[in-house]
Amino acid sequence: MIQYVPPLSEQFIENTGTSELRFLCIVEPAWTVEDETILE
């Protein structure tokens, strides 16, 4: 599935299944570590 997320949108991904989740994110403009929040 390909999903477009508009600039400055909040987003998250959650694995609700039983198999491994693989996620590829391509961003423009380039990602910076200051823009990321990881919740576990």
PDB file of N, CA and C in Angstrom:
ATOM      1  N   MET A   1       0.846  -1.171   0.000  1.00  0.00           N
ATOM      2  CA  MET A   1       0.000   0.000   0.000  1.00  0.00           C
ATOM      3  C   MET A   1       0.896   1.241   0.000  1.00  0.00           C
ATOM      4  N   ILE A   2       0.572   2.205  -0.790  1.00  0.00           N
ATOM      5  CA  ILE A   2       1.280   3.482  -0.827  1.00  0.00           C
ATOM      6  C   ILE A   2       0.349   4.530  -0.229  1.00  0.00           C
ATOM      7  N   GLN A   3       0.876   5.309   0.688  1.00  0.00           N
ATOM      8  CA  GLN A   3       0.076   6.328   1.360  1.00  0.00           C
ATOM      9  C   GLN A   3       0.798   7.659   1.300  1.00  0.00           C
ATOM     10  N   TYR A   4       0.153   8.676   0.789  1.00  0.00           N
ATOM     11  CA  TYR A   4       0.717  10.027   0.769  1.00  0.00           C
ATOM     12  C   TYR A   4       0.324  10.734   2.063  1.00  0.00           C
ATOM     13  N   VAL A   5       1.287  11.342   2.721  1.00  0.00           N
ATOM     14  CA  VAL A   5       1.038  12.113   3.939  1.00  0.00           C
ATOM     15  C   VAL A   5       1.471  13.549   3.654  1.00  0.00           C
ATOM     16  N   PRO A   6       0.542  14.491   3.716  1.00  0.00           N
ATOM     17  CA  PRO A   6       0.883  15.875   3.420  1.00  0.00           C
ATOM     18  C   PRO A   6       1.934  16.430   4.386  1.00  0.00           C
ATOM     19  N   PRO A   7       2.699  17.436   3.953  1.00  0.00           N
ATOM     20  CA  PRO A   7       3.710  18.048   4.821  1.00  0.00           C
ATOM     21  C   PRO A   7       3.117  18.526   6.147  1.00  0.00           C
ATOM     22  N   LEU A   8       3.893  18.388   7.207  1.00  0.00           N
ATOM     23  CA  LEU A   8       3.565  18.826   8.563  1.00  0.00           C
ATOM     24  C   LEU A   8       2.414  18.049   9.198  1.00  0.00           C
ATOM     25  N   SER A   9       2.023  16.937   8.615  1.00  0.00           N
ATOM     26  CA  SER A   9       0.981  16.098   9.195  1.00  0.00           C
ATOM     27  C   SER A   9       1.564  15.208  10.280  1.00  0.00           C
ATOM     28  N   GLU A  10       0.782  14.966  11.339  1.00  0.00           N
ATOM     29  CA  GLU A  10       1.178  13.992  12.336  1.00  0.00           C
ATOM     30  C   GLU A  10       0.804  12.615  11.809  1.00  0.00           C
ATOM     31  N   GLN A  11       1.635  11.619  12.107  1.00  0.00           N
ATOM     32  CA  GLN A  11       1.372  10.272  11.618  1.00  0.00           C
ATOM     33  C   GLN A  11       1.949   9.254  12.576  1.00  0.00           C
ATOM     34  N   PHE A  12       1.461   8.029  12.466  1.00  0.00           N
ATOM     35  CA  PHE A  12       2.007   6.934  13.251  1.00  0.00           C
ATOM     36  C   PHE A  12       1.735   5.637  12.509  1.00  0.00           C
ATOM     37  N   ILE A  13       2.455   4.608  12.918  1.00  0.00           N
ATOM     38  CA  ILE A  13       2.248   3.280  12.364  1.00  0.00           C
ATOM     39  C   ILE A  13       2.230   2.302  13.528  1.00  0.00           C
ATOM     40  N   GLU A  14       1.338   1.327  13.455  1.00  0.00           N
ATOM     41  CA  GLU A  14       1.189   0.351  14.522  1.00  0.00           C
ATOM     42  C   GLU A  14       0.984  -1.024  13.907  1.00  0.00           C
ATOM     43  N   ASN A  15       1.694  -1.998  14.406  1.00  0.00           N
ATOM     44  CA  ASN A  15       1.510  -3.373  13.950  1.00  0.00           C
ATOM     45  C   ASN A  15       0.423  -4.010  14.801  1.00  0.00           C
ATOM     46  N   THR A  16      -0.729  -4.260  14.208  1.00  0.00           N
ATOM     47  CA  THR A  16      -1.833  -4.884  14.935  1.00  0.00           C
ATOM     48  C   THR A  16      -1.960  -6.363  14.583  1.00  0.00           C
ATOM     49  N   GLY A  17      -1.029  -6.861  13.770  1.00  0.00           N
ATOM     50  CA  GLY A  17      -1.055  -8.259  13.354  1.00  0.00           C
ATOM     51  C   GLY A  17      -0.088  -9.103  14.157  1.00  0.00           C
ATOM     52  N   THR A  18       0.101 -10.315  13.685  1.00  0.00           N
ATOM     53  CA  THR A  18       0.992 -11.242  14.379  1.00  0.00           C
ATOM     54  C   THR A  18       2.304 -11.457  13.636  1.00  0.00           C
ATOM     55  N   SER A  19       2.420 -10.933  12.435  1.00  0.00           N
ATOM     56  CA  SER A  19       3.669 -11.075  11.681  1.00  0.00           C
ATOM     57  C   SER A  19       4.488  -9.789  11.769  1.00  0.00           C
ATOM     58  N   GLU A  20       5.751  -9.883  11.343  1.00  0.00           N
ATOM     59  CA  GLU A  20       6.658  -8.743  11.378  1.00  0.00           C
ATOM     60  C   GLU A  20       6.146  -7.609  10.489  1.00  0.00           C
ATOM     61  N   LEU A  21       6.226  -6.401  10.994  1.00  0.00           N
ATOM     62  CA  LEU A  21       5.853  -5.223  10.219  1.00  0.00           C
ATOM     63  C   LEU A  21       7.090  -4.674   9.533  1.00  0.00           C
ATOM     64  N   ARG A  22       7.001  -4.462   8.237  1.00  0.00           N
ATOM     65  CA  ARG A  22       8.073  -3.822   7.483  1.00  0.00           C
ATOM     66  C   ARG A  22       7.529  -2.506   6.962  1.00  0.00           C
ATOM     67  N   PHE A  23       8.304  -1.461   7.183  1.00  0.00           N
ATOM     68  CA  PHE A  23       7.832  -0.120   6.864  1.00  0.00           C
ATOM     69  C   PHE A  23       8.942   0.641   6.148  1.00  0.00           C
ATOM     70  N   LEU A  24       8.643   1.191   4.999  1.00  0.00           N
ATOM     71  CA  LEU A  24       9.587   1.999   4.246  1.00  0.00           C
ATOM     72  C   LEU A  24       9.001   3.401   4.134  1.00  0.00           C
ATOM     73  N   CYS A  25       9.781   4.374   4.533  1.00  0.00           N
ATOM     74  CA  CYS A  25       9.333   5.760   4.495  1.00  0.00           C
ATOM     75  C   CYS A  25      10.290   6.563   3.628  1.00  0.00           C
ATOM     76  N   ILE A  26       9.760   7.233   2.639  1.00  0.00           N
ATOM     77  CA  ILE A  26      10.551   8.115   1.778  1.00  0.00           C
ATOM     78  C   ILE A  26      10.025   9.524   2.014  1.00  0.00           C
ATOM     79  N   VAL A  27      10.902  10.417   2.439  1.00  0.00           N
ATOM     80  CA  VAL A  27      10.457  11.753   2.827  1.00  0.00           C
ATOM     81  C   VAL A  27      11.120  12.839   1.994  1.00  0.00           C
ATOM     82  N   GLU A  28      10.384  13.925   1.811  1.00  0.00           N
ATOM     83  CA  GLU A  28      10.884  15.107   1.111  1.00  0.00           C
ATOM     84  C   GLU A  28      10.159  16.304   1.701  1.00  0.00           C
ATOM     85  N   PRO A  29      10.808  17.240   2.320  1.00  0.00           N
ATOM     86  CA  PRO A  29      12.245  17.381   2.452  1.00  0.00           C
ATOM     87  C   PRO A  29      12.824  16.330   3.400  1.00  0.00           C
ATOM     88  N   ALA A  30      14.129  16.269   3.423  1.00  0.00           N
ATOM     89  CA  ALA A  30      14.823  15.239   4.185  1.00  0.00           C
ATOM     90  C   ALA A  30      14.423  15.251   5.660  1.00  0.00           C
ATOM     91  N   TRP A  31      14.329  14.054   6.239  1.00  0.00           N
ATOM     92  CA  TRP A  31      13.997  13.859   7.643  1.00  0.00           C
ATOM     93  C   TRP A  31      15.139  14.338   8.526  1.00  0.00           C
ATOM     94  N   THR A  32      14.792  14.873   9.687  1.00  0.00           N
ATOM     95  CA  THR A  32      15.792  15.208  10.698  1.00  0.00           C
ATOM     96  C   THR A  32      15.395  14.539  12.008  1.00  0.00           C
ATOM     97  N   VAL A  33      16.350  14.206  12.834  1.00  0.00           N
ATOM     98  CA  VAL A  33      16.075  13.519  14.087  1.00  0.00           C
ATOM     99  C   VAL A  33      15.183  14.371  15.007  1.00  0.00           C
ATOM    100  N   GLU A  34      15.256  15.675  14.911  1.00  0.00           N
ATOM    101  CA  GLU A  34      14.417  16.556  15.722  1.00  0.00           C
ATOM    102  C   GLU A  34      12.934  16.402  15.388  1.00  0.00           C
ATOM    103  N   ASP A  35      12.620  15.897  14.202  1.00  0.00           N
ATOM    104  CA  ASP A  35      11.231  15.733  13.763  1.00  0.00           C
ATOM    105  C   ASP A  35      10.599  14.423  14.212  1.00  0.00           C
ATOM    106  N   GLU A  36      11.348  13.576  14.894  1.00  0.00           N
ATOM    107  CA  GLU A  36      10.864  12.222  15.207  1.00  0.00           C
ATOM    108  C   GLU A  36      10.591  12.031  16.692  1.00  0.00           C
ATOM    109  N   THR A  37       9.480  11.357  16.984  1.00  0.00           N
ATOM    110  CA  THR A  37       9.164  10.913  18.332  1.00  0.00           C
ATOM    111  C   THR A  37       8.858   9.428  18.257  1.00  0.00           C
ATOM    112  N   ILE A  38       9.570   8.620  19.038  1.00  0.00           N
ATOM    113  CA  ILE A  38       9.341   7.183  19.050  1.00  0.00           C
ATOM    114  C   ILE A  38       8.607   6.810  20.327  1.00  0.00           C
ATOM    115  N   LEU A  39       7.471   6.160  20.193  1.00  0.00           N
ATOM    116  CA  LEU A  39       6.683   5.680  21.324  1.00  0.00           C
ATOM    117  C   LEU A  39       6.743   4.168  21.340  1.00  0.00           C
ATOM    118  N   GLU A  40       7.047   3.594  22.482  1.00  0.00           N
ATOM    119  CA  GLU A  40       7.106   2.139  22.577  1.00  0.00           C
ATOM    120  C   GLU A  40       6.150   1.643  23.624  1.00  0.00           C
TER     121      GLU A  40
END
